[in-house]
């Protein structure tokens, strides 16, 4: 069972314009994570998320949460997260 105790944390960002232009893909992507923090970074026109997902590696206590990027396919939608 996935949860906070599994410590599969990741950080990713979504640009504001992506929310407007790629909403269908984002619905899929957000269905793969449990967001535990979201912050609008107005100076960069994006939202930064910290989330839990089966797609993220386990993070040790006191370790910096790694950043991921979502890999999307124009026809298949969300494919996977890739560590940056």
N, C-alpha and C. Protein backbone atom coordinates (compact mmCIF):
# COMPACT_ATOMS: atom_id res chain seq x y z
N UNK A 1 0.84 -1.19 0.00
CA UNK A 1 0.00 0.00 0.00
C UNK A 1 0.89 1.25 0.00
N UNK A 2 0.54 2.19 -0.84
CA UNK A 2 1.31 3.43 -0.97
C UNK A 2 0.87 4.44 0.08
N UNK A 3 1.83 5.08 0.70
CA UNK A 3 1.52 6.11 1.68
C UNK A 3 2.77 6.86 2.07
N UNK A 4 2.64 7.73 3.03
CA UNK A 4 3.78 8.55 3.47
C UNK A 4 4.89 7.68 4.06
N UNK A 5 4.54 6.62 4.75
CA UNK A 5 5.55 5.76 5.37
C UNK A 5 6.47 5.10 4.35
N UNK A 6 6.02 4.95 3.11
CA UNK A 6 6.85 4.36 2.06
C UNK A 6 7.94 5.31 1.58
N UNK A 7 7.77 6.61 1.86
CA UNK A 7 8.76 7.65 1.57
C UNK A 7 9.14 7.71 0.07
N UNK A 8 8.17 7.47 -0.80
CA UNK A 8 8.41 7.61 -2.24
C UNK A 8 8.00 9.03 -2.65
N UNK A 9 8.85 10.00 -2.26
CA UNK A 9 8.58 11.41 -2.50
C UNK A 9 9.27 11.88 -3.77
N UNK A 10 8.65 12.82 -4.43
CA UNK A 10 9.24 13.45 -5.60
C UNK A 10 8.75 14.88 -5.73
N UNK A 11 9.52 15.65 -6.45
CA UNK A 11 9.19 17.06 -6.69
C UNK A 11 9.12 17.24 -8.20
N UNK A 12 8.09 17.94 -8.67
CA UNK A 12 7.98 18.25 -10.09
C UNK A 12 7.27 19.58 -10.25
N UNK A 13 7.40 20.16 -11.44
CA UNK A 13 6.84 21.49 -11.71
C UNK A 13 5.99 21.44 -12.97
N UNK A 14 4.95 22.26 -12.97
CA UNK A 14 4.10 22.39 -14.14
C UNK A 14 3.93 23.88 -14.43
N UNK A 15 4.24 24.27 -15.66
CA UNK A 15 4.09 25.67 -16.06
C UNK A 15 2.61 26.02 -16.19
N UNK A 16 2.28 27.26 -15.87
CA UNK A 16 0.89 27.72 -15.96
C UNK A 16 0.31 27.49 -17.35
N UNK A 17 1.08 27.79 -18.40
CA UNK A 17 0.52 27.64 -19.75
C UNK A 17 0.25 26.17 -20.08
N UNK A 18 0.98 25.24 -19.48
CA UNK A 18 0.72 23.82 -19.68
C UNK A 18 -0.63 23.43 -19.10
N UNK A 19 -1.00 24.06 -18.01
CA UNK A 19 -2.31 23.79 -17.40
C UNK A 19 -3.41 24.17 -18.38
N UNK A 20 -3.22 25.26 -19.10
CA UNK A 20 -4.22 25.71 -20.09
C UNK A 20 -4.23 24.86 -21.36
N UNK A 21 -3.05 24.43 -21.81
CA UNK A 21 -2.96 23.78 -23.12
C UNK A 21 -2.96 22.26 -23.08
N UNK A 22 -2.60 21.66 -21.96
CA UNK A 22 -2.45 20.20 -21.88
C UNK A 22 -3.26 19.60 -20.73
N UNK A 23 -4.42 20.14 -20.46
CA UNK A 23 -5.20 19.71 -19.29
C UNK A 23 -5.50 18.21 -19.30
N UNK A 24 -5.82 17.63 -20.44
CA UNK A 24 -6.16 16.20 -20.48
C UNK A 24 -4.98 15.34 -20.03
N UNK A 25 -3.77 15.70 -20.46
CA UNK A 25 -2.58 14.96 -20.02
C UNK A 25 -2.34 15.15 -18.53
N UNK A 26 -2.58 16.36 -18.05
CA UNK A 26 -2.36 16.63 -16.63
C UNK A 26 -3.34 15.87 -15.74
N UNK A 27 -4.56 15.67 -16.20
CA UNK A 27 -5.50 14.84 -15.44
C UNK A 27 -4.92 13.44 -15.24
N UNK A 28 -4.34 12.88 -16.29
CA UNK A 28 -3.71 11.56 -16.19
C UNK A 28 -2.54 11.59 -15.22
N UNK A 29 -1.66 12.57 -15.40
CA UNK A 29 -0.47 12.69 -14.57
C UNK A 29 -0.84 12.82 -13.10
N UNK A 30 -1.79 13.69 -12.79
CA UNK A 30 -2.17 13.92 -11.39
C UNK A 30 -2.87 12.71 -10.78
N UNK A 31 -3.38 11.82 -11.62
CA UNK A 31 -3.96 10.58 -11.13
C UNK A 31 -2.91 9.58 -10.68
N UNK A 32 -1.64 9.85 -10.96
CA UNK A 32 -0.53 8.97 -10.58
C UNK A 32 0.19 9.42 -9.32
N UNK A 33 -0.24 10.53 -8.73
CA UNK A 33 0.44 11.08 -7.55
C UNK A 33 -0.57 11.46 -6.48
N UNK A 34 -0.06 11.57 -5.25
CA UNK A 34 -0.81 12.17 -4.15
C UNK A 34 -0.03 13.42 -3.76
N UNK A 35 -0.58 14.57 -4.05
CA UNK A 35 0.11 15.84 -3.78
C UNK A 35 0.04 16.12 -2.28
N UNK A 36 1.21 16.38 -1.69
CA UNK A 36 1.24 16.74 -0.27
C UNK A 36 1.64 18.20 -0.07
N UNK A 37 2.10 18.85 -1.14
CA UNK A 37 2.41 20.28 -1.08
C UNK A 37 2.40 20.83 -2.50
N UNK A 38 1.80 21.99 -2.67
CA UNK A 38 1.82 22.69 -3.95
C UNK A 38 2.08 24.17 -3.68
N UNK A 39 2.98 24.75 -4.45
CA UNK A 39 3.31 26.16 -4.28
C UNK A 39 3.36 26.84 -5.64
N UNK A 40 2.59 27.90 -5.79
CA UNK A 40 2.62 28.70 -7.01
C UNK A 40 3.88 29.56 -6.99
N UNK A 41 4.72 29.39 -7.98
CA UNK A 41 5.94 30.20 -8.12
C UNK A 41 5.66 31.25 -9.19
N UNK A 42 5.04 32.34 -8.77
CA UNK A 42 4.56 33.36 -9.70
C UNK A 42 5.69 33.97 -10.52
N UNK A 43 6.87 34.11 -9.94
CA UNK A 43 7.99 34.69 -10.66
C UNK A 43 8.50 33.80 -11.80
N UNK A 44 8.14 32.49 -11.76
CA UNK A 44 8.54 31.56 -12.82
C UNK A 44 7.35 31.02 -13.61
N UNK A 45 6.16 31.52 -13.32
CA UNK A 45 4.93 31.08 -14.01
C UNK A 45 4.74 29.56 -13.96
N UNK A 46 4.88 29.00 -12.74
CA UNK A 46 4.72 27.56 -12.59
C UNK A 46 4.24 27.21 -11.19
N UNK A 47 3.80 25.97 -11.05
CA UNK A 47 3.45 25.41 -9.74
C UNK A 47 4.44 24.30 -9.46
N UNK A 48 5.01 24.32 -8.27
CA UNK A 48 5.91 23.24 -7.84
C UNK A 48 5.15 22.33 -6.90
N UNK A 49 5.22 21.03 -7.16
CA UNK A 49 4.52 20.04 -6.36
C UNK A 49 5.51 19.14 -5.65
N UNK A 50 5.18 18.76 -4.44
CA UNK A 50 5.83 17.65 -3.75
C UNK A 50 4.74 16.62 -3.57
N UNK A 51 5.05 15.39 -3.98
CA UNK A 51 4.01 14.37 -4.02
C UNK A 51 4.59 13.00 -3.65
N UNK A 52 3.68 12.06 -3.46
CA UNK A 52 3.99 10.65 -3.24
C UNK A 52 3.54 9.91 -4.50
N UNK A 53 4.35 8.95 -4.94
CA UNK A 53 3.94 8.15 -6.10
C UNK A 53 4.72 6.84 -6.14
N UNK A 54 4.09 5.83 -6.66
CA UNK A 54 4.77 4.55 -6.88
C UNK A 54 5.87 4.70 -7.93
N UNK A 55 5.84 5.78 -8.69
CA UNK A 55 6.83 6.04 -9.74
C UNK A 55 8.11 6.66 -9.20
N UNK A 56 8.10 7.13 -7.96
CA UNK A 56 9.25 7.79 -7.37
C UNK A 56 10.07 6.79 -6.54
N UNK A 57 11.38 7.05 -6.45
CA UNK A 57 12.26 6.24 -5.60
C UNK A 57 12.02 6.59 -4.14
N UNK A 58 12.33 5.64 -3.25
CA UNK A 58 12.25 5.91 -1.82
C UNK A 58 13.32 6.95 -1.46
N UNK A 59 12.97 7.82 -0.53
CA UNK A 59 13.86 8.90 -0.09
C UNK A 59 14.17 8.68 1.39
N UNK A 60 15.44 8.65 1.72
CA UNK A 60 15.84 8.48 3.11
C UNK A 60 15.49 9.69 3.95
N UNK A 61 15.30 9.46 5.23
CA UNK A 61 14.97 10.55 6.14
C UNK A 61 16.11 11.57 6.13
N UNK A 62 15.76 12.85 6.04
CA UNK A 62 16.75 13.92 6.02
C UNK A 62 17.38 14.15 4.65
N UNK A 63 16.96 13.40 3.64
CA UNK A 63 17.49 13.52 2.28
C UNK A 63 16.65 14.52 1.49
N UNK A 64 17.30 15.26 0.61
CA UNK A 64 16.60 16.21 -0.25
C UNK A 64 15.69 15.42 -1.20
N UNK A 65 14.46 15.88 -1.34
CA UNK A 65 13.50 15.23 -2.23
C UNK A 65 13.92 15.48 -3.68
N UNK A 66 14.10 14.41 -4.46
CA UNK A 66 14.57 14.58 -5.84
C UNK A 66 13.50 15.17 -6.76
N UNK A 67 14.00 15.78 -7.84
CA UNK A 67 13.11 16.37 -8.84
C UNK A 67 12.92 15.38 -9.99
N UNK A 68 11.70 15.33 -10.50
CA UNK A 68 11.35 14.45 -11.62
C UNK A 68 10.72 15.28 -12.72
N UNK A 69 10.77 14.72 -13.93
CA UNK A 69 9.99 15.29 -15.03
C UNK A 69 9.08 14.20 -15.55
N UNK A 70 7.89 14.61 -15.97
CA UNK A 70 6.92 13.66 -16.50
C UNK A 70 7.20 13.45 -17.98
N UNK A 71 7.20 12.19 -18.40
CA UNK A 71 7.36 11.85 -19.80
C UNK A 71 5.97 11.55 -20.35
N UNK A 72 5.58 12.35 -21.34
CA UNK A 72 4.25 12.23 -21.93
C UNK A 72 4.39 11.84 -23.40
N UNK A 73 3.38 11.18 -23.91
CA UNK A 73 3.33 10.80 -25.32
C UNK A 73 2.09 11.45 -25.92
N UNK A 74 2.21 11.98 -27.12
CA UNK A 74 1.09 12.73 -27.72
C UNK A 74 -0.17 11.88 -27.91
N UNK A 75 -0.03 10.58 -28.08
CA UNK A 75 -1.20 9.73 -28.24
C UNK A 75 -1.53 8.90 -27.01
N UNK A 76 -0.49 8.45 -26.30
CA UNK A 76 -0.70 7.57 -25.14
C UNK A 76 -0.87 8.33 -23.83
N UNK A 77 -0.51 9.59 -23.80
CA UNK A 77 -0.60 10.38 -22.57
C UNK A 77 0.57 10.12 -21.64
N UNK A 78 0.31 10.07 -20.34
CA UNK A 78 1.36 9.89 -19.34
C UNK A 78 2.03 8.54 -19.51
N UNK A 79 3.37 8.52 -19.51
CA UNK A 79 4.11 7.27 -19.61
C UNK A 79 4.84 6.95 -18.31
N UNK A 80 5.63 7.93 -17.81
CA UNK A 80 6.44 7.66 -16.60
C UNK A 80 7.03 8.97 -16.08
N UNK A 81 7.62 8.89 -14.88
CA UNK A 81 8.42 9.99 -14.36
C UNK A 81 9.87 9.60 -14.51
N UNK A 82 10.70 10.60 -14.82
CA UNK A 82 12.14 10.38 -14.97
C UNK A 82 12.86 11.34 -14.02
N UNK A 83 13.79 10.81 -13.25
CA UNK A 83 14.53 11.64 -12.31
C UNK A 83 15.43 12.60 -13.07
N UNK A 84 15.45 13.87 -12.66
CA UNK A 84 16.28 14.89 -13.32
C UNK A 84 17.72 14.79 -12.82
